[in-house]
Amino acid sequence: GPPQKSGLSLVDYSGGIAAALAMVSAVRHA
């Protein structure tokens, strides 16, 4: 079949979780 995307916006969601982890880590550093 043709290439397909995931049924969910997993890049958006994973990017959001990664950013949340980065922010919490950086606040601890600050």
PDB file of all heavy atoms in Angstrom:
ATOM      1  N   GLY A   1       0.816  -1.207   0.000  1.00  0.00           N
ATOM      2  CA  GLY A   1       0.000   0.000   0.000  1.00  0.00           C
ATOM      3  C   GLY A   1       0.848   1.254   0.000  1.00  0.00           C
ATOM      4  O   GLY A   1       2.083   1.195   0.031  1.00  0.00           O
ATOM      5  N   PRO A   2       0.213   2.422  -0.035  1.00  0.00           N
ATOM      6  CA  PRO A   2       0.963   3.689  -0.023  1.00  0.00           C
ATOM      7  C   PRO A   2       1.497   3.974   1.380  1.00  0.00           C
ATOM      8  O   PRO A   2       1.011   3.411   2.367  1.00  0.00           O
ATOM      9  CB  PRO A   2      -0.104   4.717  -0.419  1.00  0.00           C
ATOM     10  CG  PRO A   2      -1.380   4.124   0.098  1.00  0.00           C
ATOM     11  CD  PRO A   2      -1.236   2.633  -0.096  1.00  0.00           C
ATOM     12  N   PRO A   3       2.484   4.851   1.508  1.00  0.00           N
ATOM     13  CA  PRO A   3       2.929   5.275   2.838  1.00  0.00           C
ATOM     14  C   PRO A   3       1.773   5.885   3.618  1.00  0.00           C
ATOM     15  O   PRO A   3       0.913   6.554   3.038  1.00  0.00           O
ATOM     16  CB  PRO A   3       4.010   6.319   2.533  1.00  0.00           C
ATOM     17  CG  PRO A   3       4.432   6.036   1.132  1.00  0.00           C
ATOM     18  CD  PRO A   3       3.221   5.520   0.433  1.00  0.00           C
ATOM     19  N   GLN A   4       1.750   5.663   4.913  1.00  0.00           N
ATOM     20  CA  GLN A   4       0.653   6.164   5.734  1.00  0.00           C
ATOM     21  C   GLN A   4       1.182   6.844   6.989  1.00  0.00           C
ATOM     22  O   GLN A   4       2.234   6.472   7.514  1.00  0.00           O
ATOM     23  CB  GLN A   4      -0.266   5.011   6.160  1.00  0.00           C
ATOM     24  CG  GLN A   4      -1.014   4.368   5.012  1.00  0.00           C
ATOM     25  CD  GLN A   4      -1.967   3.286   5.486  1.00  0.00           C
ATOM     26  OE1 GLN A   4      -2.126   3.064   6.677  1.00  0.00           O
ATOM     27  NE2 GLN A   4      -2.606   2.603   4.556  1.00  0.00           N
ATOM     28  N   LYS A   5       0.421   7.828   7.458  1.00  0.00           N
ATOM     29  CA  LYS A   5       0.731   8.442   8.734  1.00  0.00           C
ATOM     30  C   LYS A   5       0.060   7.671   9.854  1.00  0.00           C
ATOM     31  O   LYS A   5      -0.875   6.885   9.621  1.00  0.00           O
ATOM     32  CB  LYS A   5       0.266   9.902   8.772  1.00  0.00           C
ATOM     33  CG  LYS A   5      -1.261  10.064   8.799  1.00  0.00           C
ATOM     34  CD  LYS A   5      -1.669  11.524   8.872  1.00  0.00           C
ATOM     35  CE  LYS A   5      -1.464  12.118  10.238  1.00  0.00           C
ATOM     36  NZ  LYS A   5      -2.377  11.567  11.262  1.00  0.00           N
ATOM     37  N   SER A   6       0.513   7.890  11.054  1.00  0.00           N
ATOM     38  CA  SER A   6      -0.159   7.332  12.212  1.00  0.00           C
ATOM     39  C   SER A   6      -1.550   7.937  12.343  1.00  0.00           C
ATOM     40  O   SER A   6      -1.783   9.082  11.938  1.00  0.00           O
ATOM     41  CB  SER A   6       0.656   7.634  13.477  1.00  0.00           C
ATOM     42  OG  SER A   6      -0.106   7.421  14.638  1.00  0.00           O
ATOM     43  N   GLY A   7      -2.465   7.194  12.935  1.00  0.00           N
ATOM     44  CA  GLY A   7      -3.814   7.710  13.154  1.00  0.00           C
ATOM     45  C   GLY A   7      -3.869   8.812  14.194  1.00  0.00           C
ATOM     46  O   GLY A   7      -4.883   9.498  14.327  1.00  0.00           O
ATOM     47  N   LEU A   8      -2.786   9.016  14.936  1.00  0.00           N
ATOM     48  CA  LEU A   8      -2.702  10.062  15.955  1.00  0.00           C
ATOM     49  C   LEU A   8      -1.550  11.006  15.636  1.00  0.00           C
ATOM     50  O   LEU A   8      -0.603  10.627  14.936  1.00  0.00           O
ATOM     51  CB  LEU A   8      -2.487   9.447  17.339  1.00  0.00           C
ATOM     52  CG  LEU A   8      -3.567   8.486  17.829  1.00  0.00           C
ATOM     53  CD1 LEU A   8      -3.127   7.800  19.111  1.00  0.00           C
ATOM     54  CD2 LEU A   8      -4.883   9.222  18.032  1.00  0.00           C
ATOM     55  N   SER A   9      -1.610  12.212  16.183  1.00  0.00           N
ATOM     56  CA  SER A   9      -0.535  13.198  15.951  1.00  0.00           C
ATOM     57  C   SER A   9       0.622  12.932  16.908  1.00  0.00           C
ATOM     58  O   SER A   9       0.926  13.729  17.806  1.00  0.00           O
ATOM     59  CB  SER A   9      -1.088  14.616  16.133  1.00  0.00           C
ATOM     60  OG  SER A   9      -2.117  14.875  15.212  1.00  0.00           O
ATOM     61  N   LEU A  10       1.295  11.805  16.710  1.00  0.00           N
ATOM     62  CA  LEU A  10       2.273  11.339  17.686  1.00  0.00           C
ATOM     63  C   LEU A  10       3.528  12.195  17.734  1.00  0.00           C
ATOM     64  O   LEU A  10       4.195  12.254  18.771  1.00  0.00           O
ATOM     65  CB  LEU A  10       2.640   9.883  17.385  1.00  0.00           C
ATOM     66  CG  LEU A  10       1.518   8.876  17.612  1.00  0.00           C
ATOM     67  CD1 LEU A  10       2.005   7.462  17.327  1.00  0.00           C
ATOM     68  CD2 LEU A  10       0.987   8.962  19.041  1.00  0.00           C
ATOM     69  N   VAL A  11       3.885  12.864  16.641  1.00  0.00           N
ATOM     70  CA  VAL A  11       5.041  13.763  16.685  1.00  0.00           C
ATOM     71  C   VAL A  11       4.719  14.973  17.563  1.00  0.00           C
ATOM     72  O   VAL A  11       5.512  15.375  18.419  1.00  0.00           O
ATOM     73  CB  VAL A  11       5.457  14.204  15.275  1.00  0.00           C
ATOM     74  CG1 VAL A  11       6.652  15.160  15.353  1.00  0.00           C
ATOM     75  CG2 VAL A  11       5.822  13.001  14.419  1.00  0.00           C
ATOM     76  N   ASP A  12       3.536  15.552  17.369  1.00  0.00           N
ATOM     77  CA  ASP A  12       3.111  16.671  18.218  1.00  0.00           C
ATOM     78  C   ASP A  12       3.102  16.277  19.693  1.00  0.00           C
ATOM     79  O   ASP A  12       3.630  16.998  20.548  1.00  0.00           O
ATOM     80  CB  ASP A  12       1.700  17.128  17.819  1.00  0.00           C
ATOM     81  CG  ASP A  12       1.696  18.089  16.649  1.00  0.00           C
ATOM     82  OD1 ASP A  12       2.785  18.505  16.209  1.00  0.00           O
ATOM     83  OD2 ASP A  12       0.594  18.426  16.177  1.00  0.00           O
ATOM     84  N   TYR A  13       2.476  15.161  19.984  1.00  0.00           N
ATOM     85  CA  TYR A  13       2.337  14.758  21.385  1.00  0.00           C
ATOM     86  C   TYR A  13       3.688  14.409  22.007  1.00  0.00           C
ATOM     87  O   TYR A  13       3.987  14.805  23.149  1.00  0.00           O
ATOM     88  CB  TYR A  13       1.388  13.560  21.509  1.00  0.00           C
ATOM     89  CG  TYR A  13       0.008  13.786  20.939  1.00  0.00           C
ATOM     90  CD1 TYR A  13      -0.777  12.724  20.516  1.00  0.00           C
ATOM     91  CD2 TYR A  13      -0.516  15.079  20.806  1.00  0.00           C
ATOM     92  CE1 TYR A  13      -2.044  12.927  19.982  1.00  0.00           C
ATOM     93  CE2 TYR A  13      -1.776  15.288  20.268  1.00  0.00           C
ATOM     94  CZ  TYR A  13      -2.541  14.213  19.858  1.00  0.00           C
ATOM     95  OH  TYR A  13      -3.784  14.413  19.324  1.00  0.00           O
ATOM     96  N   SER A  14       4.509  13.676  21.264  1.00  0.00           N
ATOM     97  CA  SER A  14       5.826  13.321  21.782  1.00  0.00           C
ATOM     98  C   SER A  14       6.698  14.563  21.954  1.00  0.00           C
ATOM     99  O   SER A  14       7.448  14.680  22.932  1.00  0.00           O
ATOM    100  CB  SER A  14       6.509  12.325  20.846  1.00  0.00           C
ATOM    101  OG  SER A  14       5.760  11.141  20.722  1.00  0.00           O
ATOM    102  N   GLY A  15       6.597  15.489  21.002  1.00  0.00           N
ATOM    103  CA  GLY A  15       7.343  16.736  21.122  1.00  0.00           C
ATOM    104  C   GLY A  15       6.912  17.538  22.327  1.00  0.00           C
ATOM    105  O   GLY A  15       7.736  18.158  23.021  1.00  0.00           O
ATOM    106  N   GLY A  16       5.607  17.533  22.609  1.00  0.00           N
ATOM    107  CA  GLY A  16       5.109  18.238  23.786  1.00  0.00           C
ATOM    108  C   GLY A  16       5.633  17.644  25.073  1.00  0.00           C
ATOM    109  O   GLY A  16       6.057  18.365  25.989  1.00  0.00           O
ATOM    110  N   ILE A  17       5.614  16.315  25.168  1.00  0.00           N
ATOM    111  CA  ILE A  17       6.112  15.664  26.381  1.00  0.00           C
ATOM    112  C   ILE A  17       7.611  15.919  26.548  1.00  0.00           C
ATOM    113  O   ILE A  17       8.095  16.180  27.657  1.00  0.00           O
ATOM    114  CB  ILE A  17       5.805  14.160  26.339  1.00  0.00           C
ATOM    115  CG1 ILE A  17       4.296  13.935  26.468  1.00  0.00           C
ATOM    116  CG2 ILE A  17       6.538  13.416  27.450  1.00  0.00           C
ATOM    117  CD1 ILE A  17       3.867  12.499  26.312  1.00  0.00           C
ATOM    118  N   ALA A  18       8.367  15.856  25.434  1.00  0.00           N
ATOM    119  CA  ALA A  18       9.801  16.116  25.500  1.00  0.00           C
ATOM    120  C   ALA A  18      10.071  17.549  25.972  1.00  0.00           C
ATOM    121  O   ALA A  18      10.977  17.796  26.789  1.00  0.00           O
ATOM    122  CB  ALA A  18      10.451  15.870  24.140  1.00  0.00           C
ATOM    123  N   ALA A  19       9.286  18.494  25.473  1.00  0.00           N
ATOM    124  CA  ALA A  19       9.461  19.893  25.888  1.00  0.00           C
ATOM    125  C   ALA A  19       9.130  20.078  27.366  1.00  0.00           C
ATOM    126  O   ALA A  19       9.809  20.830  28.073  1.00  0.00           O
ATOM    127  CB  ALA A  19       8.592  20.804  25.022  1.00  0.00           C
ATOM    128  N   ALA A  20       8.086  19.392  27.834  1.00  0.00           N
ATOM    129  CA  ALA A  20       7.738  19.479  29.255  1.00  0.00           C
ATOM    130  C   ALA A  20       8.879  18.958  30.122  1.00  0.00           C
ATOM    131  O   ALA A  20       9.224  19.558  31.155  1.00  0.00           O
ATOM    132  CB  ALA A  20       6.457  18.692  29.521  1.00  0.00           C
ATOM    133  N   LEU A  21       9.482  17.845  29.714  1.00  0.00           N
ATOM    134  CA  LEU A  21      10.628  17.298  30.449  1.00  0.00           C
ATOM    135  C   LEU A  21      11.794  18.276  30.441  1.00  0.00           C
ATOM    136  O   LEU A  21      12.453  18.489  31.471  1.00  0.00           O
ATOM    137  CB  LEU A  21      11.040  15.964  29.828  1.00  0.00           C
ATOM    138  CG  LEU A  21      12.322  15.321  30.381  1.00  0.00           C
ATOM    139  CD1 LEU A  21      12.186  15.031  31.866  1.00  0.00           C
ATOM    140  CD2 LEU A  21      12.654  14.050  29.611  1.00  0.00           C
ATOM    141  N   ALA A  22      12.042  18.886  29.297  1.00  0.00           N
ATOM    142  CA  ALA A  22      13.133  19.855  29.192  1.00  0.00           C
ATOM    143  C   ALA A  22      12.905  21.046  30.116  1.00  0.00           C
ATOM    144  O   ALA A  22      13.829  21.514  30.805  1.00  0.00           O
ATOM    145  CB  ALA A  22      13.282  20.322  27.747  1.00  0.00           C
ATOM    146  N   MET A  23      11.670  21.554  30.157  1.00  0.00           N
ATOM    147  CA  MET A  23      11.378  22.707  31.009  1.00  0.00           C
ATOM    148  C   MET A  23      11.562  22.390  32.487  1.00  0.00           C
ATOM    149  O   MET A  23      12.172  23.168  33.231  1.00  0.00           O
ATOM    150  CB  MET A  23       9.959  23.210  30.726  1.00  0.00           C
ATOM    151  CG  MET A  23       9.835  23.977  29.429  1.00  0.00           C
ATOM    152  SD  MET A  23       8.195  24.730  29.214  1.00  0.00           S
ATOM    153  CE  MET A  23       7.288  23.375  28.488  1.00  0.00           C
ATOM    154  N   VAL A  24      11.038  21.254  32.917  1.00  0.00           N
ATOM    155  CA  VAL A  24      11.175  20.876  34.329  1.00  0.00           C
ATOM    156  C   VAL A  24      12.650  20.720  34.691  1.00  0.00           C
ATOM    157  O   VAL A  24      13.099  21.164  35.755  1.00  0.00           O
ATOM    158  CB  VAL A  24      10.393  19.584  34.613  1.00  0.00           C
ATOM    159  CG1 VAL A  24      10.716  19.055  36.005  1.00  0.00           C
ATOM    160  CG2 VAL A  24       8.895  19.835  34.493  1.00  0.00           C
ATOM    161  N   SER A  25      13.432  20.110  33.799  1.00  0.00           N
ATOM    162  CA  SER A  25      14.861  19.925  34.047  1.00  0.00           C
ATOM    163  C   SER A  25      15.579  21.265  34.138  1.00  0.00           C
ATOM    164  O   SER A  25      16.436  21.469  35.018  1.00  0.00           O
ATOM    165  CB  SER A  25      15.488  19.074  32.936  1.00  0.00           C
ATOM    166  OG  SER A  25      14.866  17.819  32.847  1.00  0.00           O
ATOM    167  N   ALA A  26      15.248  22.178  33.236  1.00  0.00           N
ATOM    168  CA  ALA A  26      15.915  23.477  33.215  1.00  0.00           C
ATOM    169  C   ALA A  26      15.541  24.328  34.426  1.00  0.00           C
ATOM    170  O   ALA A  26      16.379  25.079  34.950  1.00  0.00           O
ATOM    171  CB  ALA A  26      15.566  24.216  31.924  1.00  0.00           C
ATOM    172  N   VAL A  27      14.297  24.226  34.877  1.00  0.00           N
ATOM    173  CA  VAL A  27      13.887  24.957  36.087  1.00  0.00           C
ATOM    174  C   VAL A  27      14.689  24.459  37.290  1.00  0.00           C
ATOM    175  O   VAL A  27      15.134  25.250  38.136  1.00  0.00           O
ATOM    176  CB  VAL A  27      12.368  24.811  36.331  1.00  0.00           C
ATOM    177  CG1 VAL A  27      11.998  25.298  37.730  1.00  0.00           C
ATOM    178  CG2 VAL A  27      11.589  25.596  35.287  1.00  0.00           C
ATOM    179  N   ARG A  28      14.890  23.149  37.364  1.00  0.00           N
ATOM    180  CA  ARG A  28      15.710  22.592  38.448  1.00  0.00           C
ATOM    181  C   ARG A  28      17.127  23.156  38.392  1.00  0.00           C
ATOM    182  O   ARG A  28      17.711  23.521  39.414  1.00  0.00           O
ATOM    183  CB  ARG A  28      15.737  21.063  38.327  1.00  0.00           C
ATOM    184  CG  ARG A  28      16.650  20.384  39.324  1.00  0.00           C
ATOM    185  CD  ARG A  28      16.102  20.474  40.738  1.00  0.00           C
ATOM    186  NE  ARG A  28      16.977  19.768  41.657  1.00  0.00           N
ATOM    187  CZ  ARG A  28      17.577  20.318  42.713  1.00  0.00           C
ATOM    188  NH1 ARG A  28      17.381  21.601  42.982  1.00  0.00           N
ATOM    189  NH2 ARG A  28      18.331  19.600  43.503  1.00  0.00           N
ATOM    190  N   HIS A  29      17.684  23.246  37.179  1.00  0.00           N
ATOM    191  CA  HIS A  29      19.020  23.814  36.993  1.00  0.00           C
ATOM    192  C   HIS A  29      19.057  25.279  37.444  1.00  0.00           C
ATOM    193  O   HIS A  29      19.985  25.706  38.153  1.00  0.00           O
ATOM    194  CB  HIS A  29      19.424  23.701  35.527  1.00  0.00           C
ATOM    195  CG  HIS A  29      20.648  24.493  35.160  1.00  0.00           C
ATOM    196  ND1 HIS A  29      21.925  24.049  35.406  1.00  0.00           N
ATOM    197  CD2 HIS A  29      20.785  25.720  34.574  1.00  0.00           C
ATOM    198  CE1 HIS A  29      22.799  24.954  34.984  1.00  0.00           C
ATOM    199  NE2 HIS A  29      22.121  25.968  34.473  1.00  0.00           N
ATOM    200  N   ALA A  30      18.041  26.050  37.042  1.00  0.00           N
ATOM    201  CA  ALA A  30      17.998  27.465  37.393  1.00  0.00           C
ATOM    202  C   ALA A  30      17.842  27.666  38.892  1.00  0.00           C
ATOM    203  O   ALA A  30      18.403  28.609  39.468  1.00  0.00           O
ATOM    204  CB  ALA A  30      16.858  28.149  36.642  1.00  0.00           C
TER     205      ALA A  30
END
